[in-house]
Amino acid sequence: MKSLLSLWTSSLLFAASAAQAGVTFAVPDAQLRALGIQTQPLKPEQKSVTLTRPAQVVVPPSADEVVSAPVAGLVTQVLAQPYQNVRAGAPLLRIVSPELGQMQMVLISASARAKLARQTFEREERLYAEEVIPQRRVQEAQAALAEANAQLLQARAALRLTGLSKSAIDGIETNSRPVGEITLSARHAGVMTEIAVKPGQRVEAASALLHIARAGTLELEIQVPAAEAGLWPAGTKIEVSGRGFTARITGASPGVSPGSQTLALRARIEGKTAGLRPGELVAVALPAAMDGWDLPLSAVAYDGDQAHVFVRVQNGFEARPVRVLAGGGQRLRVAGELKPGEAVAVTGVVVLKGAWLKAKEGE
C-alpha cells in the first residue's frame, strides 16, 4: 500500500484551493478501488449512534421498605438472608419482649371490662323497660360501654402494630393466653438489601432491623459529564447494554461533583427487573443528539484537534472540518457543512489524509 500511495501521490497534480469548505485534491475514479477507498451517502435520518456510560442499580426512596422493631426486646432468630428474594408475608425475624407481654395483658383486661360493661348495659336496659330504674342509669351504662369498647379497640390496634395477626389477637382475647414472641413479616415482595441485627441482639422500639427493596421498582444512577446532561431530558428511553433491560430518564441531580465534573441522571427501569441487584454496576447506552450526521469511526481524520471528513467532489475529494457531537462503539455523530446525499469516504481515509496534507503543503 505504501508503494502504491507513493506512486499515486507522485503522479497526481493537486489542485489545492483555500476555499472555506476546505482543501480540494484530485483523486481519479480509477484509483478509488486500488486505494481501498469507499464512500457512503449522507443520510440524516440515521440514528444509530449511542454513548456508553457507567451506571449503578439503586433503590428509589419510595421503594425502600424499612422493617423496624415494634417493641423493645431480644432478637431470637433471623429468618432472612442478605439479597434474598422474599415474598409478601414471608417471615423475616422473631423477637421476644416483656413489653409485648404487658400489651397483651392490657388487651385481656380491656376485653374483660368491655364484656362486663356490655352485660351491665343490657341489664340496665331490661330494668328500665320494666320501669324499675330511671333512664339516666341506662345512659350511664351506655357511656361506660362505649368507653370500654374504645379501650379494647386501642389495645387491639397496639398489638396489631407489633406484627401480630388478627387471628392471633383474637386468640389472645378469647383464651386469655399471651404469646411469648412476635414474628415480623414482609409487607411487600422484594429483595433483602440489608440486615442490621443478629440473633441475641437487644433492640429498642422503632430500631431499623431490615431493609427490603420492593420488587420491580429499581432505578439507575448514571454518571455523565455535566456538559452532556442536557442531551437526555426526562422521558428519554435508554438501554442497559447487553442485559435486555430498558429504562426512561426521570431527572438529573441539581449539583455537579467537584472532582469529576459529572452529575447523576436517574432512570426508572421498565418492566420486570429480575436479574438486576441493588448496588450492581452496569453500562447503559444513551442515544446521542439527533442533529448532525451518523458516520463510521473510520470516516473521521484529525489534523491536530480538528476533525475532518472527506467529501467526494468532481474528480476528487474535499476535506471538510466537522465537530464531533458524540461517539459510541464504532459510530460517531458529527456536525458541519454537509448536505444530504453527499458521498463521504468511510474507508481508505488514511490514504486520503496523506494526499490532503500534501495538497495543503502545496497551497
Protein backbone atom coordinates (compact mmCIF):
# COMPACT_ATOMS: atom_id res chain seq x y z
CA MET A 1 0.00 0.00 0.00
CA LYS A 2 2.84 2.40 0.78
CA SER A 3 4.41 1.93 -2.69
CA LEU A 4 1.02 2.34 -4.33
CA LEU A 5 0.39 5.52 -2.38
CA SER A 6 3.82 6.91 -3.29
CA LEU A 7 3.26 6.18 -6.99
CA TRP A 8 -0.18 7.78 -6.86
CA THR A 9 0.81 10.91 -4.98
CA SER A 10 3.85 11.49 -7.18
CA SER A 11 1.79 11.26 -10.37
CA LEU A 12 -1.13 13.48 -9.30
CA LEU A 13 -1.49 17.20 -9.90
CA PHE A 14 -3.01 18.58 -6.72
CA ALA A 15 -5.46 21.35 -7.42
CA ALA A 16 -5.49 22.84 -3.93
CA SER A 17 -7.69 25.75 -3.00
CA ALA A 18 -8.21 27.72 0.20
CA ALA A 19 -11.99 27.83 -0.02
CA GLN A 20 -13.95 27.98 3.20
CA ALA A 21 -15.28 24.50 2.65
CA GLY A 22 -11.76 23.04 2.88
CA VAL A 23 -8.92 21.84 0.68
CA THR A 24 -9.84 20.05 -2.57
CA PHE A 25 -7.49 17.48 -4.12
CA ALA A 26 -7.85 15.30 -7.19
CA VAL A 27 -8.43 11.53 -7.00
CA PRO A 28 -9.37 9.87 -10.31
CA ASP A 29 -12.24 7.39 -10.18
CA ALA A 30 -9.94 4.67 -11.42
CA GLN A 31 -7.80 4.99 -8.29
CA LEU A 32 -10.62 4.54 -5.74
CA ARG A 33 -10.77 0.76 -5.80
CA ALA A 34 -6.99 0.32 -5.98
CA LEU A 35 -6.54 2.52 -2.90
CA GLY A 36 -9.34 0.82 -0.94
CA ILE A 37 -11.45 3.98 -0.81
CA GLN A 38 -15.20 3.54 -0.34
CA THR A 39 -17.80 6.25 0.10
CA GLN A 40 -21.19 6.44 1.79
CA PRO A 41 -24.01 8.90 1.07
CA LEU A 42 -25.05 11.11 3.97
CA LYS A 43 -28.43 10.16 5.44
CA PRO A 44 -29.64 12.44 8.23
CA GLU A 45 -32.34 10.02 9.29
CA GLN A 46 -29.79 7.53 10.67
CA LYS A 47 -29.87 7.43 14.48
CA SER A 48 -27.62 4.51 15.38
CA VAL A 49 -25.04 6.41 17.45
CA THR A 50 -25.17 5.77 21.18
CA LEU A 51 -22.96 6.73 24.09
CA THR A 52 -21.93 4.19 26.71
CA ARG A 53 -21.87 5.47 30.27
CA PRO A 54 -21.44 3.72 33.67
CA ALA A 55 -24.47 3.34 35.91
CA GLN A 56 -25.36 1.80 39.24
CA VAL A 57 -28.57 -0.02 40.11
CA VAL A 58 -30.19 1.77 43.06
CA VAL A 59 -33.38 1.56 45.09
CA PRO A 60 -35.56 4.68 44.90
CA PRO A 61 -36.53 6.11 48.31
CA SER A 62 -40.19 5.26 47.70
CA ALA A 63 -39.32 1.56 47.26
CA ASP A 64 -37.01 1.14 50.27
CA GLU A 65 -39.10 -0.62 52.91
CA VAL A 66 -37.68 -0.50 56.44
CA VAL A 67 -38.70 -3.22 58.87
CA SER A 68 -38.35 -1.76 62.37
CA ALA A 69 -38.79 -3.17 65.86
CA PRO A 70 -42.38 -2.58 67.05
CA VAL A 71 -41.34 -3.09 70.69
CA ALA A 72 -38.14 -3.27 72.69
CA GLY A 73 -36.90 -6.82 73.06
CA LEU A 74 -34.42 -9.53 72.13
CA VAL A 75 -33.92 -10.86 68.60
CA THR A 76 -34.10 -14.66 68.85
CA GLN A 77 -33.93 -15.64 65.18
CA VAL A 78 -33.23 -14.01 61.80
CA LEU A 79 -35.08 -15.94 59.09
CA ALA A 80 -33.93 -13.98 56.02
CA GLN A 81 -30.63 -13.89 54.16
CA PRO A 82 -28.89 -10.89 52.54
CA TYR A 83 -30.03 -10.26 48.93
CA GLN A 84 -32.69 -12.96 49.22
CA ASN A 85 -35.89 -12.59 47.24
CA VAL A 86 -38.77 -12.51 49.72
CA ARG A 87 -42.47 -12.80 49.04
CA ALA A 88 -45.19 -10.71 50.67
CA GLY A 89 -45.98 -12.17 54.09
CA ALA A 90 -42.72 -14.13 54.38
CA PRO A 91 -41.39 -14.37 57.98
CA LEU A 92 -38.24 -12.32 58.49
CA LEU A 93 -37.25 -12.45 62.19
CA ARG A 94 -38.55 -13.22 65.68
CA ILE A 95 -38.43 -11.06 68.82
CA VAL A 96 -39.26 -11.81 72.47
CA SER A 97 -40.27 -8.83 74.59
CA PRO A 98 -41.57 -8.15 78.11
CA GLU A 99 -43.27 -5.10 76.64
CA LEU A 100 -45.23 -7.40 74.35
CA GLY A 101 -46.49 -9.32 77.36
CA GLN A 102 -47.68 -6.12 79.03
CA MET A 103 -49.54 -5.07 75.88
CA GLN A 104 -51.31 -8.42 75.79
CA MET A 105 -52.34 -8.08 79.43
CA VAL A 106 -53.81 -4.66 78.58
CA LEU A 107 -55.81 -6.33 75.82
CA ILE A 108 -57.07 -9.10 78.11
CA SER A 109 -58.09 -6.55 80.78
CA ALA A 110 -59.78 -4.29 78.21
CA SER A 111 -61.69 -7.27 76.80
CA ALA A 112 -62.91 -8.27 80.27
CA ARG A 113 -64.04 -4.71 81.04
CA ALA A 114 -65.82 -4.45 77.71
CA LYS A 115 -67.72 -7.72 78.40
CA LEU A 116 -68.72 -6.50 81.85
CA ALA A 117 -69.80 -3.12 80.51
CA ARG A 118 -71.99 -4.80 77.86
CA GLN A 119 -73.61 -7.06 80.43
CA THR A 120 -74.29 -4.05 82.68
CA PHE A 121 -75.80 -2.07 79.81
CA GLU A 122 -78.08 -4.98 78.81
CA ARG A 123 -79.24 -5.43 82.42
CA GLU A 124 -79.95 -1.72 82.85
CA GLU A 125 -81.94 -1.73 79.61
CA ARG A 126 -84.16 -4.57 80.92
CA LEU A 127 -84.71 -2.86 84.26
CA TYR A 128 -85.58 0.40 82.54
CA ALA A 129 -88.06 -1.42 80.31
CA GLU A 130 -89.70 -2.82 83.46
CA GLU A 131 -89.76 0.74 84.88
CA VAL A 132 -87.58 -0.29 87.81
CA ILE A 133 -84.78 2.26 87.23
CA PRO A 134 -84.67 5.72 85.68
CA GLN A 135 -83.40 6.31 82.14
CA ARG A 136 -80.31 8.04 83.50
CA ARG A 137 -78.94 4.64 84.64
CA VAL A 138 -79.23 3.31 81.08
CA GLN A 139 -77.42 6.33 79.66
CA GLU A 140 -74.59 5.96 82.17
CA ALA A 141 -74.21 2.25 81.32
CA GLN A 142 -74.22 3.08 77.60
CA ALA A 143 -71.42 5.64 78.09
CA ALA A 144 -69.39 3.16 80.13
CA LEU A 145 -69.81 0.55 77.37
CA ALA A 146 -68.63 3.00 74.70
CA GLU A 147 -65.55 3.86 76.75
CA ALA A 148 -64.72 0.18 77.36
CA ASN A 149 -65.08 -0.62 73.64
CA ALA A 150 -62.76 2.26 72.74
CA GLN A 151 -60.12 0.97 75.15
CA LEU A 152 -60.47 -2.51 73.67
CA LEU A 153 -60.02 -1.18 70.13
CA GLN A 154 -56.96 0.75 71.23
CA ALA A 155 -55.42 -2.36 72.82
CA ARG A 156 -56.09 -4.38 69.67
CA ALA A 157 -54.56 -1.70 67.44
CA ALA A 158 -51.43 -1.51 69.59
CA LEU A 159 -50.88 -5.25 69.22
CA ARG A 160 -51.63 -5.12 65.51
CA LEU A 161 -48.74 -2.67 65.13
CA THR A 162 -46.38 -5.21 66.68
CA GLY A 163 -46.96 -7.54 63.74
CA LEU A 164 -49.40 -9.94 65.38
CA SER A 165 -52.10 -11.15 63.02
CA LYS A 166 -55.79 -10.56 63.61
CA SER A 167 -56.32 -14.26 64.30
CA ALA A 168 -53.53 -14.26 66.89
CA ILE A 169 -55.01 -11.21 68.63
CA ASP A 170 -58.48 -12.79 68.62
CA GLY A 171 -56.97 -15.93 70.16
CA ILE A 172 -55.28 -13.93 72.93
CA GLU A 173 -58.51 -12.10 73.69
CA THR A 174 -60.64 -15.25 73.67
CA ASN A 175 -58.35 -17.62 75.55
CA SER A 176 -56.55 -15.05 77.75
CA ARG A 177 -53.21 -16.70 76.89
CA PRO A 178 -50.38 -14.30 75.92
CA VAL A 179 -47.86 -15.38 73.29
CA GLY A 180 -44.15 -15.25 74.06
CA GLU A 181 -42.75 -13.78 70.83
CA ILE A 182 -43.68 -11.99 67.63
CA THR A 183 -42.66 -12.79 64.07
CA LEU A 184 -42.12 -9.84 61.76
CA SER A 185 -43.14 -10.45 58.13
CA ALA A 186 -42.56 -8.71 54.80
CA ARG A 187 -45.40 -6.40 53.79
CA HIS A 188 -44.38 -6.47 50.12
CA ALA A 189 -42.39 -8.75 47.82
CA GLY A 190 -38.84 -7.61 47.17
CA VAL A 191 -35.12 -8.18 47.73
CA MET A 192 -33.48 -8.15 51.16
CA THR A 193 -30.85 -5.41 50.84
CA GLU A 194 -29.68 -5.02 54.44
CA ILE A 195 -29.86 -6.93 57.73
CA ALA A 196 -28.85 -4.71 60.63
CA VAL A 197 -29.29 -7.16 63.55
CA LYS A 198 -28.10 -10.56 64.72
CA PRO A 199 -29.68 -13.24 66.92
CA GLY A 200 -29.20 -12.41 70.59
CA GLN A 201 -29.09 -8.66 69.99
CA ARG A 202 -31.29 -6.40 72.11
CA VAL A 203 -33.17 -3.72 70.20
CA GLU A 204 -35.21 -0.69 71.13
CA ALA A 205 -38.63 0.13 69.80
CA ALA A 206 -38.52 1.71 66.31
CA SER A 207 -34.95 0.46 65.66
CA ALA A 208 -34.36 -0.29 61.96
CA LEU A 209 -33.78 -4.03 61.62
CA LEU A 210 -34.05 -4.88 57.92
CA HIS A 211 -34.26 -3.13 54.55
CA ILE A 212 -36.22 -4.55 51.62
CA ALA A 213 -36.22 -3.17 48.08
CA ARG A 214 -39.69 -3.65 46.64
CA ALA A 215 -39.78 -5.85 43.58
CA GLY A 216 -40.00 -4.11 40.20
CA THR A 217 -39.03 -0.63 41.40
CA LEU A 218 -35.30 -0.39 40.73
CA GLU A 219 -33.65 2.66 39.17
CA LEU A 220 -30.35 3.53 37.52
CA GLU A 221 -27.98 6.28 38.62
CA ILE A 222 -25.95 7.26 35.55
CA GLN A 223 -22.80 9.38 35.75
CA VAL A 224 -22.44 11.76 32.77
CA PRO A 225 -20.29 14.84 32.14
CA ALA A 226 -22.10 17.95 33.27
CA ALA A 227 -21.85 19.45 29.79
CA GLU A 228 -23.73 16.49 28.28
CA ALA A 229 -26.59 16.29 30.77
CA GLY A 230 -28.95 18.37 28.62
CA LEU A 231 -28.80 15.78 25.82
CA TRP A 232 -31.13 13.45 27.71
CA PRO A 233 -34.24 15.16 29.10
CA ALA A 234 -36.83 13.38 31.23
CA GLY A 235 -38.62 10.70 29.22
CA THR A 236 -35.60 9.68 27.11
CA LYS A 237 -35.51 5.91 26.60
CA ILE A 238 -32.19 4.16 27.25
CA GLU A 239 -30.90 0.57 27.33
CA VAL A 240 -28.81 -1.46 29.76
CA SER A 241 -26.04 -2.73 27.49
CA GLY A 242 -26.07 -6.50 26.98
CA ARG A 243 -28.80 -7.12 29.58
CA GLY A 244 -32.03 -6.61 27.67
CA PHE A 245 -33.44 -4.00 30.10
CA THR A 246 -34.80 -0.60 29.14
CA ALA A 247 -35.31 2.48 31.28
CA ARG A 248 -36.51 6.07 31.00
CA ILE A 249 -34.78 9.15 32.35
CA THR A 250 -36.74 10.72 35.20
CA GLY A 251 -34.44 13.60 36.12
CA ALA A 252 -30.94 14.83 36.92
CA SER A 253 -29.19 15.74 40.14
CA PRO A 254 -29.08 19.52 40.75
CA GLY A 255 -25.40 19.53 41.74
CA VAL A 256 -22.16 18.59 39.98
CA SER A 257 -19.39 16.50 41.56
CA PRO A 258 -16.45 18.92 42.03
CA GLY A 259 -13.78 16.29 41.42
CA SER A 260 -15.10 14.61 38.29
CA GLN A 261 -17.37 17.39 36.98
CA THR A 262 -20.13 14.84 36.44
CA LEU A 263 -23.71 14.70 37.58
CA ALA A 264 -26.13 11.83 38.06
CA LEU A 265 -29.08 11.07 35.83
CA ARG A 266 -31.90 8.98 37.30
CA ALA A 267 -33.75 6.45 35.16
CA ARG A 268 -36.64 4.16 36.14
CA ILE A 269 -36.24 0.59 34.83
CA GLU A 270 -39.25 -0.53 32.80
CA GLY A 271 -40.91 -3.92 33.15
CA LYS A 272 -39.50 -6.76 35.20
CA THR A 273 -36.19 -6.25 36.98
CA ALA A 274 -35.32 -9.89 37.68
CA GLY A 275 -31.58 -10.33 37.24
CA LEU A 276 -30.64 -6.85 38.47
CA ARG A 277 -29.45 -6.29 42.02
CA PRO A 278 -29.23 -3.06 44.02
CA GLY A 279 -25.65 -1.80 44.01
CA GLU A 280 -24.75 -3.60 40.77
CA LEU A 281 -22.62 -1.68 38.27
CA VAL A 282 -23.81 -1.80 34.65
CA ALA A 283 -23.23 0.05 31.38
CA VAL A 284 -26.05 1.94 29.68
CA ALA A 285 -26.42 3.02 26.07
CA LEU A 286 -27.62 6.62 25.76
CA PRO A 287 -28.90 7.93 22.43
CA ALA A 288 -26.71 10.67 21.01
CA ALA A 289 -28.02 14.04 19.90
CA MET A 290 -30.24 13.65 16.84
CA ASP A 291 -28.87 16.59 14.87
CA GLY A 292 -25.80 16.10 12.71
CA TRP A 293 -24.70 13.07 10.72
CA ASP A 294 -24.12 9.47 11.68
CA LEU A 295 -20.79 8.11 10.33
CA PRO A 296 -18.43 5.22 10.99
CA LEU A 297 -15.50 5.99 13.24
CA SER A 298 -13.19 5.29 10.28
CA ALA A 299 -14.65 8.21 8.30
CA VAL A 300 -13.11 10.91 10.50
CA ALA A 301 -9.49 12.10 10.27
CA TYR A 302 -7.81 14.59 12.59
CA ASP A 303 -5.41 17.41 11.89
CA GLY A 304 -4.36 18.29 15.39
CA ASP A 305 -7.58 18.66 17.39
CA GLN A 306 -9.74 19.44 14.36
CA ALA A 307 -11.80 16.59 12.90
CA HIS A 308 -12.36 16.35 9.15
CA VAL A 309 -14.29 14.20 6.72
CA PHE A 310 -13.53 13.74 3.03
CA VAL A 311 -16.46 14.57 0.73
CA ARG A 312 -16.44 13.23 -2.83
CA VAL A 313 -16.47 16.08 -5.40
CA GLN A 314 -15.87 16.12 -9.12
CA ASN A 315 -12.63 14.23 -9.87
CA GLY A 316 -11.51 14.28 -6.23
CA PHE A 317 -12.25 14.88 -2.56
CA GLU A 318 -12.72 17.91 -0.37
CA ALA A 319 -11.66 17.95 3.28
CA ARG A 320 -14.48 19.42 5.37
CA PRO A 321 -13.99 20.38 9.03
CA VAL A 322 -16.61 18.85 11.35
CA ARG A 323 -17.45 18.89 15.03
CA VAL A 324 -17.85 15.56 16.81
CA LEU A 325 -21.11 15.67 18.76
CA ALA A 326 -20.99 12.21 20.26
CA GLY A 327 -19.39 8.83 19.85
CA GLY A 328 -20.07 5.29 20.92
CA GLY A 329 -18.63 1.98 19.76
CA GLN A 330 -17.69 2.26 16.07
CA ARG A 331 -20.01 5.18 15.26
CA LEU A 332 -19.77 8.95 15.53
CA ARG A 333 -22.24 11.81 15.30
CA VAL A 334 -20.75 14.87 13.58
CA ALA A 335 -21.94 18.32 12.53
CA GLY A 336 -20.53 20.51 9.78
CA GLU A 337 -21.09 21.99 6.33
CA LEU A 338 -22.52 18.78 4.91
CA LYS A 339 -25.60 18.11 2.79
CA PRO A 340 -27.86 15.09 2.38
CA GLY A 341 -26.74 12.83 -0.44
CA GLU A 342 -23.10 13.94 -0.43
CA ALA A 343 -20.71 10.97 -0.53
CA VAL A 344 -18.24 10.76 2.34
CA ALA A 345 -15.23 8.44 2.39
CA VAL A 346 -15.63 5.72 5.03
CA THR A 347 -12.59 3.55 4.17
CA GLY A 348 -9.14 4.41 2.88
CA VAL A 349 -9.24 7.64 4.88
CA VAL A 350 -5.59 7.27 5.92
CA VAL A 351 -4.61 7.42 2.24
CA LEU A 352 -6.81 10.46 1.66
CA LYS A 353 -5.39 12.22 4.69
CA GLY A 354 -1.85 11.81 3.33
CA ALA A 355 -2.88 13.26 -0.03
CA TRP A 356 -4.76 16.08 1.67
CA LEU A 357 -1.81 17.09 3.82
CA LYS A 358 0.43 17.20 0.73
CA ALA A 359 -2.19 19.29 -1.02
CA LYS A 360 -2.15 21.73 1.90
CA GLU A 361 1.61 22.00 1.71
CA GLY A 362 1.34 22.91 -1.97
CA GLU A 363 -1.10 25.80 -1.43
